[in-house]
């Protein structure tokens, strides 16, 4: 029974960490990286270094 509780806790923790990293909420690493990439592309387009 103790092993089952530890296993379920580990699964829940893993799910939480995965959603924190790869989820669609505004604070996730995926959305933050997307915002940084968009800002970089907009900066390049404004400088004339590309046409996005």
C-alpha atoms as a PDB file:
ATOM      1  CA  UNK A   1       0.000   0.000   0.000  1.00  0.00           C
ATOM      2  CA  UNK A   2       2.864   2.372   0.832  1.00  0.00           C
ATOM      3  CA  UNK A   3       4.439   1.679  -2.561  1.00  0.00           C
ATOM      4  CA  UNK A   4       1.151   2.495  -4.289  1.00  0.00           C
ATOM      5  CA  UNK A   5       0.932   5.862  -2.534  1.00  0.00           C
ATOM      6  CA  UNK A   6       4.537   6.668  -3.489  1.00  0.00           C
ATOM      7  CA  UNK A   7       3.889   5.623  -7.095  1.00  0.00           C
ATOM      8  CA  UNK A   8       0.745   7.756  -7.371  1.00  0.00           C
ATOM      9  CA  UNK A   9       2.544  10.749  -5.840  1.00  0.00           C
ATOM     10  CA  UNK A  10       5.402  10.355  -8.301  1.00  0.00           C
ATOM     11  CA  UNK A  11       2.993  10.208 -11.233  1.00  0.00           C
ATOM     12  CA  UNK A  12       1.162  13.328 -10.065  1.00  0.00           C
ATOM     13  CA  UNK A  13       4.425  15.195  -9.535  1.00  0.00           C
ATOM     14  CA  UNK A  14       5.649  14.188 -12.996  1.00  0.00           C
ATOM     15  CA  UNK A  15       2.392  15.339 -14.561  1.00  0.00           C
ATOM     16  CA  UNK A  16       2.609  18.683 -12.762  1.00  0.00           C
ATOM     17  CA  UNK A  17       6.210  19.243 -13.878  1.00  0.00           C
ATOM     18  CA  UNK A  18       5.378  18.272 -17.471  1.00  0.00           C
ATOM     19  CA  UNK A  19       2.472  20.740 -17.621  1.00  0.00           C
ATOM     20  CA  UNK A  20       4.634  23.447 -16.083  1.00  0.00           C
ATOM     21  CA  UNK A  21       7.236  22.951 -18.814  1.00  0.00           C
ATOM     22  CA  UNK A  22       5.174  22.099 -21.879  1.00  0.00           C
ATOM     23  CA  UNK A  23       1.700  23.405 -21.114  1.00  0.00           C
ATOM     24  CA  UNK A  24      -0.148  26.263 -22.789  1.00  0.00           C
ATOM     25  CA  UNK A  25      -0.554  28.458 -19.720  1.00  0.00           C
ATOM     26  CA  UNK A  26       1.202  31.866 -19.820  1.00  0.00           C
ATOM     27  CA  UNK A  27       3.918  30.917 -17.321  1.00  0.00           C
ATOM     28  CA  UNK A  28       5.141  27.733 -18.990  1.00  0.00           C
ATOM     29  CA  UNK A  29       8.544  27.397 -20.598  1.00  0.00           C
ATOM     30  CA  UNK A  30       6.930  26.652 -23.954  1.00  0.00           C
ATOM     31  CA  UNK A  31       4.930  29.883 -24.050  1.00  0.00           C
ATOM     32  CA  UNK A  32       7.848  31.938 -22.695  1.00  0.00           C
ATOM     33  CA  UNK A  33      10.171  30.594 -25.389  1.00  0.00           C
ATOM     34  CA  UNK A  34       7.503  31.303 -28.007  1.00  0.00           C
ATOM     35  CA  UNK A  35       7.180  34.907 -26.814  1.00  0.00           C
ATOM     36  CA  UNK A  36      10.951  35.398 -26.945  1.00  0.00           C
ATOM     37  CA  UNK A  37      11.127  33.947 -30.464  1.00  0.00           C
ATOM     38  CA  UNK A  38       8.318  36.220 -31.685  1.00  0.00           C
ATOM     39  CA  UNK A  39      10.016  39.267 -30.175  1.00  0.00           C
ATOM     40  CA  UNK A  40      13.297  38.325 -31.873  1.00  0.00           C
ATOM     41  CA  UNK A  41      11.610  37.860 -35.241  1.00  0.00           C
ATOM     42  CA  UNK A  42       9.810  41.190 -34.922  1.00  0.00           C
ATOM     43  CA  UNK A  43      13.106  42.891 -34.054  1.00  0.00           C
ATOM     44  CA  UNK A  44      14.821  41.383 -37.121  1.00  0.00           C
ATOM     45  CA  UNK A  45      11.922  42.486 -39.330  1.00  0.00           C
ATOM     46  CA  UNK A  46      12.074  46.040 -37.991  1.00  0.00           C
ATOM     47  CA  UNK A  47      15.818  46.241 -38.611  1.00  0.00           C
ATOM     48  CA  UNK A  48      15.373  45.079 -42.182  1.00  0.00           C
ATOM     49  CA  UNK A  49      17.277  41.859 -41.629  1.00  0.00           C
ATOM     50  CA  UNK A  50      14.359  39.759 -42.783  1.00  0.00           C
ATOM     51  CA  UNK A  51      10.793  39.893 -43.980  1.00  0.00           C
ATOM     52  CA  UNK A  52       8.493  38.155 -41.532  1.00  0.00           C
END
